[in-house]
Protein backbone atom coordinates (compact mmCIF):
# COMPACT_ATOMS: atom_id res chain seq x y z
CA MET A 1 17.79 -50.78 36.53
CA ASP A 2 16.10 -48.00 37.79
CA SER A 3 18.25 -44.97 38.09
CA ASN A 4 15.61 -43.47 40.31
CA TYR A 5 15.31 -46.07 42.74
CA ASN A 6 15.47 -45.12 46.07
CA ASN A 7 15.51 -41.47 46.44
CA ASN A 8 16.72 -41.30 50.05
CA SER A 9 20.14 -42.97 49.35
CA SER A 10 22.63 -42.64 46.56
CA TYR A 11 22.05 -45.07 43.91
CA VAL A 12 25.55 -45.63 41.74
CA THR A 13 25.82 -46.78 38.23
CA ASN A 14 28.38 -48.31 36.11
CA GLU A 15 28.72 -44.79 34.23
CA ILE A 16 30.08 -43.54 37.39
CA ILE A 17 32.49 -46.49 38.13
CA ASN A 18 33.77 -46.45 34.53
CA ASN A 19 35.00 -42.93 35.20
CA ILE A 20 36.14 -43.34 38.51
CA ASN A 21 39.70 -43.79 37.77
CA ASP A 22 39.43 -40.53 35.81
CA ILE A 23 38.06 -38.75 39.28
CA LEU A 24 40.78 -40.64 41.59
CA SER A 25 44.00 -39.96 38.84
CA CYS A 26 44.58 -43.46 39.05
CA ASN A 27 46.46 -45.24 36.31
CA SER A 28 44.94 -48.40 35.36
CA ASN A 29 46.15 -49.19 31.94
CA SER A 30 49.94 -50.07 33.18
CA ASN A 31 50.24 -54.12 33.61
CA GLY A 32 52.57 -53.20 36.92
CA GLY A 33 51.57 -54.75 40.35
CA GLY A 34 50.72 -57.94 38.77
CA SER A 35 49.79 -60.85 41.00
CA SER A 36 53.38 -60.49 42.79
CA SER A 37 51.82 -57.65 44.33
CA LEU A 38 49.28 -59.68 46.24
CA ASN A 39 52.19 -62.04 47.64
CA ASP A 40 53.89 -59.25 48.75
CA SER A 41 50.68 -57.60 50.55
CA GLY A 42 50.09 -60.72 52.83
CA GLY A 43 53.73 -62.14 52.78
CA ALA A 44 51.98 -65.06 51.48
CA SER A 45 55.32 -65.96 49.21
CA SER A 46 57.02 -66.96 52.44
CA THR A 47 54.14 -68.45 54.02
CA SER A 48 53.43 -72.38 53.82
CA SER A 49 49.78 -71.68 54.57
CA PHE A 50 49.14 -69.59 51.53
CA ASN A 51 49.77 -72.71 49.37
CA TYR A 52 46.21 -73.64 49.20
CA ASN A 53 44.90 -70.19 47.87
CA GLY A 54 48.52 -69.64 46.38
CA ILE A 55 48.62 -67.51 43.09
CA ASN A 56 50.77 -68.52 40.17
CA LYS A 57 52.61 -66.18 37.76
CA ASN A 58 49.51 -66.20 35.57
CA GLY A 59 47.52 -65.06 38.39
CA CYS A 60 45.98 -68.15 38.81
CA PHE A 61 44.87 -69.38 42.29
CA TYR A 62 42.89 -72.10 43.86
CA ASP A 63 39.79 -70.78 45.30
CA SER A 64 38.39 -71.96 48.57
CA GLU A 65 35.30 -70.11 48.54
CA LYS A 66 34.48 -71.48 44.94
CA ASN A 67 36.30 -74.88 45.50
CA CYS A 68 38.00 -74.62 41.94
CA TYR A 69 40.84 -73.14 40.20
CA SER A 70 40.01 -69.24 39.02
CA LYS A 71 41.70 -66.44 37.74
CA ILE A 72 41.79 -62.62 38.72
CA ASN A 73 42.72 -59.90 37.05
CA HIS A 74 45.30 -57.27 38.07
CA ASP A 75 45.84 -54.64 35.01
CA ILE A 76 45.53 -51.96 37.64
CA ASP A 77 49.19 -50.55 38.39
CA LEU A 78 48.91 -50.38 42.07
CA ASN A 79 52.52 -48.29 41.65
CA SER A 80 50.80 -45.76 39.68
CA ASN A 81 53.73 -42.90 39.90
CA LYS A 82 57.48 -43.14 39.08
CA ASN A 83 58.22 -42.30 42.78
CA ASN A 84 56.37 -45.54 43.76
CA ASN A 85 58.55 -47.28 41.20
CA ASP A 86 61.95 -45.65 42.55
CA ASN A 87 60.92 -46.17 46.36
CA TYR A 88 59.06 -49.55 46.57
CA ASN A 89 61.78 -51.68 48.85
CA ASN A 90 64.73 -50.23 47.64
CA ASN A 91 67.03 -52.43 49.50
CA ASN A 92 70.84 -52.14 48.06
CA ASN A 93 69.26 -52.84 44.46
CA ASN A 94 71.92 -51.08 42.64
CA ASN A 95 73.11 -53.85 40.79
CA ASN A 96 70.05 -54.03 38.60
CA ASN A 97 69.01 -50.64 38.17
CA ASN A 98 70.47 -49.81 34.67
CA ASN A 99 67.78 -48.65 32.55
CA ASN A 100 65.31 -48.11 35.73
CA ASN A 101 63.73 -45.00 34.40
CA ASN A 102 63.15 -46.42 30.92
CA ASN A 103 62.03 -50.22 32.12
CA ASN A 104 59.60 -49.82 35.34
CA LYS A 105 58.69 -53.60 34.39
CA ASN A 106 62.00 -54.89 35.30
CA ASP A 107 62.79 -52.40 38.01
CA ASN A 108 59.63 -54.15 39.83
CA ASN A 109 60.62 -57.55 39.25
CA ASN A 110 63.86 -56.70 40.97
CA ASN A 111 62.12 -55.02 44.22
CA ASN A 112 60.13 -57.98 44.48
CA ASN A 113 62.79 -60.36 44.69
CA ASN A 114 64.09 -57.72 47.75
CA ASN A 115 60.72 -58.12 49.11
CA LYS A 116 61.15 -61.66 50.25
CA ASN A 117 63.69 -60.53 53.01
CA ASP A 118 61.73 -57.39 54.05
CA ASN A 119 58.68 -56.87 56.11
CA SER A 120 58.31 -52.78 54.93
CA ILE A 121 57.09 -51.46 52.05
CA ILE A 122 57.52 -47.58 50.73
CA PHE A 123 54.66 -45.83 49.04
CA ASN A 124 54.93 -42.54 47.97
CA ILE A 125 51.73 -40.67 48.73
CA ASP A 126 50.35 -37.06 48.21
CA ASN A 127 54.21 -36.45 47.78
CA ASN A 128 54.86 -37.88 51.54
CA THR A 129 57.17 -41.16 51.54
CA LEU A 130 55.16 -43.45 53.99
CA LYS A 131 56.81 -46.85 55.10
CA PHE A 132 54.33 -49.61 55.69
CA ILE A 133 55.58 -52.02 58.38
CA LYS A 134 54.36 -55.75 58.25
CA GLU A 135 53.54 -57.71 61.30
CA TYR A 136 52.29 -61.34 61.96
CA VAL A 137 49.97 -61.16 64.77
CA THR A 138 47.73 -62.97 67.18
CA ILE A 139 44.15 -61.61 68.20
CA LYS A 140 43.11 -63.29 71.24
CA SER A 141 39.51 -64.49 71.55
CA ASP A 142 38.46 -65.93 74.84
CA GLU A 143 40.66 -68.81 75.04
CA ILE A 144 42.10 -69.24 71.33
CA TYR A 145 44.00 -67.08 69.15
CA LEU A 146 43.11 -65.75 65.58
CA GLU A 147 46.24 -65.37 62.98
CA GLY A 148 46.26 -61.87 61.57
CA ILE A 149 48.49 -59.56 59.24
CA VAL A 150 49.15 -56.11 59.65
CA ASN A 151 50.67 -53.59 57.19
CA TYR A 152 50.96 -50.17 59.25
CA ASN A 153 51.80 -46.51 58.88
CA GLU A 154 51.13 -44.51 62.38
CA LYS A 155 50.58 -41.62 59.87
CA SER A 156 48.12 -43.20 57.69
CA LYS A 157 44.78 -41.99 57.13
CA GLY A 158 43.11 -44.87 58.74
CA ILE A 159 43.16 -48.86 59.19
CA ILE A 160 40.90 -51.13 57.21
CA VAL A 161 39.97 -54.48 58.72
CA PHE A 162 39.12 -56.78 56.40
CA VAL A 163 36.71 -59.46 57.41
CA HIS A 164 36.11 -62.38 54.98
CA GLY A 165 33.31 -64.79 54.50
CA ILE A 166 33.30 -68.65 55.76
CA GLY A 167 35.08 -70.75 53.69
CA SER A 168 37.84 -68.02 53.00
CA SER A 169 40.87 -67.05 55.26
CA ARG A 170 43.19 -64.03 55.91
CA PHE A 171 44.69 -65.18 52.42
CA SER A 172 41.86 -64.55 50.36
CA PRO A 173 43.30 -63.35 47.03
CA ARG A 174 40.53 -60.61 46.77
CA ASN A 175 41.29 -59.11 49.88
CA LEU A 176 44.99 -59.47 49.53
CA TYR A 177 44.96 -57.51 46.46
CA LEU A 178 42.14 -54.73 48.06
CA SER A 179 44.53 -54.55 51.11
CA LYS A 180 47.61 -53.45 48.94
CA TYR A 181 45.44 -51.17 47.00
CA PHE A 182 44.70 -49.20 49.62
CA GLN A 183 48.14 -49.38 51.41
CA ASN A 184 48.96 -47.76 48.41
CA MET A 185 46.25 -45.05 48.84
CA GLY A 186 47.77 -44.34 52.60
CA TYR A 187 45.78 -46.59 54.66
CA SER A 188 46.82 -49.35 57.09
CA THR A 189 45.25 -53.00 56.85
CA LEU A 190 44.45 -55.84 59.02
CA LEU A 191 43.72 -59.20 57.41
CA PHE A 192 42.59 -61.95 59.89
CA ASP A 193 41.20 -65.25 60.07
CA LEU A 194 37.51 -65.60 61.74
CA LEU A 195 38.01 -69.22 62.48
CA THR A 196 40.70 -71.48 63.96
CA PRO A 197 42.15 -73.91 61.81
CA GLN A 198 40.24 -76.52 63.89
CA GLU A 199 37.10 -74.48 63.75
CA GLU A 200 37.09 -74.19 59.91
CA ARG A 201 37.66 -78.13 59.78
CA LEU A 202 34.63 -78.69 62.11
CA ASN A 203 32.42 -75.96 59.78
CA ASN A 204 33.53 -77.90 56.87
CA ILE A 205 31.86 -80.69 58.00
CA THR A 206 28.76 -79.31 60.08
CA GLY A 207 28.33 -75.53 58.84
CA GLU A 208 28.30 -74.88 62.40
CA TYR A 209 29.70 -71.45 62.45
CA LYS A 210 28.28 -70.33 58.99
CA TYR A 211 25.58 -68.45 59.45
CA ASN A 212 26.43 -67.96 63.26
CA LEU A 213 26.46 -64.15 63.44
CA ASN A 214 26.80 -63.71 67.19
CA PHE A 215 29.88 -65.67 66.91
CA LEU A 216 31.34 -64.13 64.12
CA SER A 217 30.50 -60.56 65.04
CA ASN A 218 32.31 -61.37 68.29
CA ARG A 219 35.29 -62.31 66.82
CA ILE A 220 35.02 -58.94 64.72
CA LEU A 221 34.85 -57.22 68.11
CA ASN A 222 38.25 -59.00 69.33
CA ALA A 223 39.48 -58.21 66.53
CA THR A 224 38.53 -54.42 67.04
CA GLN A 225 39.66 -54.34 70.41
CA PHE A 226 42.99 -55.78 69.41
CA ILE A 227 43.69 -52.32 67.29
CA ILE A 228 42.39 -50.37 70.55
CA LEU A 229 44.56 -51.82 72.55
CA ASN A 230 47.93 -51.66 70.55
CA GLN A 231 49.95 -48.51 71.16
CA LYS A 232 50.79 -48.23 67.44
CA LEU A 233 47.44 -48.33 66.08
CA LYS A 234 44.78 -47.24 68.33
CA HIS A 235 44.73 -43.60 67.41
CA LEU A 236 43.85 -44.96 63.51
CA GLU A 237 39.99 -44.23 62.41
CA ILE A 238 38.56 -47.72 62.08
CA ILE A 239 37.25 -48.71 58.56
CA TYR A 240 35.32 -52.26 57.95
CA PHE A 241 35.41 -53.48 54.52
CA GLY A 242 33.51 -56.88 54.90
CA SER A 243 32.63 -59.67 52.26
CA SER A 244 29.74 -62.09 51.65
CA THR A 245 29.24 -63.15 55.38
CA GLY A 246 31.79 -61.24 56.67
CA SER A 247 29.98 -58.01 56.12
CA ALA A 248 26.53 -59.41 57.95
CA GLY A 249 28.97 -59.84 60.86
CA ILE A 250 30.12 -56.14 60.51
CA ILE A 251 26.31 -55.27 60.45
CA GLU A 252 25.73 -57.49 63.42
CA CYS A 253 29.14 -56.30 65.40
CA GLU A 254 28.62 -52.48 65.04
CA LYS A 255 26.39 -51.87 67.68
CA LYS A 256 28.30 -53.75 69.94
CA VAL A 257 31.56 -51.68 69.11
CA LEU A 258 29.94 -48.24 69.64
CA SER A 259 28.55 -49.52 72.77
CA LEU A 260 31.95 -49.60 74.12
CA GLY A 261 32.67 -45.84 72.81
CA ILE A 262 34.83 -47.11 69.81
CA LYS A 263 34.53 -44.85 66.73
CA ILE A 264 33.83 -46.26 63.23
CA ASN A 265 34.76 -44.24 60.36
CA SER A 266 32.95 -46.34 57.59
CA ILE A 267 31.48 -49.68 56.66
CA ILE A 268 32.21 -51.30 53.11
CA SER A 269 30.21 -54.17 52.07
CA ARG A 270 31.09 -56.40 49.02
CA SER A 271 28.66 -58.94 48.03
CA GLY A 272 27.32 -58.88 51.67
CA ARG A 273 24.63 -61.45 52.60
CA LEU A 274 22.47 -58.86 54.34
CA SER A 275 19.47 -61.53 54.56
CA LEU A 276 21.38 -63.25 57.42
CA CYS A 277 21.42 -59.93 59.71
CA ASN A 278 19.00 -59.08 62.42
CA GLU A 279 16.55 -56.85 60.99
CA ASN A 280 17.03 -54.34 63.90
CA SER A 281 20.58 -54.25 63.38
CA ILE A 282 19.97 -53.17 59.81
CA LYS A 283 16.96 -50.38 61.10
CA SER A 284 19.42 -49.16 64.14
CA MET A 285 22.83 -48.73 61.77
CA SER A 286 24.41 -45.11 62.67
CA THR A 287 27.70 -45.85 60.71
CA ARG A 288 27.81 -44.53 56.86
CA ILE A 289 27.85 -47.52 54.39
CA LEU A 290 28.88 -48.59 50.98
CA LEU A 291 27.30 -51.48 49.50
CA VAL A 292 29.17 -52.85 46.32
CA CYS A 293 27.25 -55.64 44.37
CA GLY A 294 27.73 -57.09 41.00
CA GLY A 295 24.73 -56.47 38.14
CA ASP A 296 24.56 -59.88 37.85
CA ASP A 297 24.48 -61.10 40.98
CA LYS A 298 20.37 -60.89 41.41
CA GLU A 299 19.87 -62.58 44.56
CA THR A 300 22.73 -60.89 46.51
CA LEU A 301 21.77 -57.41 44.53
CA GLU A 302 18.05 -57.53 45.00
CA ILE A 303 18.38 -58.48 49.00
CA ASN A 304 21.15 -55.29 49.15
CA LYS A 305 18.41 -53.11 47.90
CA THR A 306 15.83 -54.21 49.98
CA PHE A 307 17.99 -53.68 52.93
CA LEU A 308 19.23 -50.40 52.01
CA ASN A 309 15.67 -49.16 52.29
CA LYS A 310 15.41 -50.63 55.92
CA MET A 311 18.56 -48.38 57.05
CA ASN A 312 17.31 -45.18 58.78
CA ASN A 313 16.91 -42.49 56.21
CA GLY A 314 19.11 -40.15 57.75
CA LEU A 315 22.11 -42.49 57.62
CA GLU A 316 24.61 -42.21 54.90
CA LYS A 317 24.16 -45.06 52.77
CA LYS A 318 25.24 -45.98 49.12
CA LEU A 319 24.59 -48.45 46.93
CA ALA A 320 27.43 -49.18 43.89
CA VAL A 321 26.04 -51.60 41.19
CA ILE A 322 28.81 -53.17 38.80
CA LEU A 323 27.54 -54.31 35.79
CA ASN A 324 28.23 -57.79 34.19
CA ALA A 325 29.83 -58.73 37.50
CA THR A 326 29.29 -61.92 39.83
CA HIS A 327 29.24 -62.55 43.55
CA LEU A 328 33.09 -62.73 43.55
CA PHE A 329 33.90 -60.17 40.84
CA PRO A 330 36.52 -62.32 38.80
CA GLU A 331 35.35 -60.30 35.46
CA GLU A 332 38.08 -58.07 34.05
CA ASN A 333 38.52 -54.90 35.63
CA ALA A 334 35.42 -55.79 38.45
CA LEU A 335 37.90 -55.89 41.40
CA GLU A 336 39.49 -52.78 40.27
CA ASN A 337 36.17 -50.73 39.83
CA VAL A 338 35.37 -52.21 44.03
CA ALA A 339 38.79 -50.88 44.87
CA SER A 340 38.28 -47.41 43.03
CA ILE A 341 34.67 -46.90 43.99
CA SER A 342 35.48 -47.70 47.78
CA LEU A 343 38.49 -45.30 48.08
CA ASN A 344 36.15 -42.61 46.60
CA PHE A 345 33.44 -43.23 48.69
CA LEU A 346 36.02 -43.13 51.86
CA ASN A 347 37.73 -39.81 50.26
CA SER A 348 34.85 -37.54 49.93
CA SER A 349 30.96 -37.62 51.43
CA THR A 350 29.43 -37.75 48.19
CA LEU A 351 29.85 -40.51 44.80
């Protein structure tokens, strides 16, 4: 890759990504967190509709985006300090707390068993304890309702709205992982379905919604309005985190959201299919944006480079390339790097 590519924007290489955990003081060497963290994040272990994308104890899941069984790496320790391990859903767990300080893995397992009957998660963030409340919600869109999951704290740094690609759902294993990661870093999260089950079945047959960005952007707008109308969420800064076609839908939705006087803090795109976007929507963007692509996802990477140059020169725009990673980031540490560099983008104006 040409390190001098695009002088008007920041081009981030793997060298920065490899050291991002040092910058963030984020421990990625522990085996804690694991696949159970994903289940806790979305309440998947208690939701029957998650069986289709269910993650087993070995981290394997049926991936509807790839239509095959796959495996994702979870080496990052989401509970990266002792306080998190001690406080994480501490619901009358006194019977199994012997040797708690010497065996965090056993402590996490006991706490995860308690999570099945609790809708709150406690994190220690910057020496402040934040209790995130999990709620299953419905989002009105015209005459139908979309299913969603909110994990929120009124004192969090903002709310990240995850927008999946067509063919996925609110139970995307990658978005569940990222959601839990950002909760641990102090952000509320919303995961929601872009399509109803009936629409998804129709799309599987006809592909009617796959590239209909006007339709998808309206669904994203509905989710945004849900936040603005919610008394517990409306004060939180809105951050969009899109993947694949979801990223394209966010870019098409930006102008609609801003026209209503709703502010957007940032946009993050993971393997965004920006070729679907209207070129005028790209050129008129005014929200700071981070594009994350896998180095081996050649087509998507080249398209993202092209559209990065078409964005307004005065816009804060960045491209992060994770070497040896493909479109869905199933490679070792790839998704962890997506999480880390995205957090660094949100926490600072420069990478």
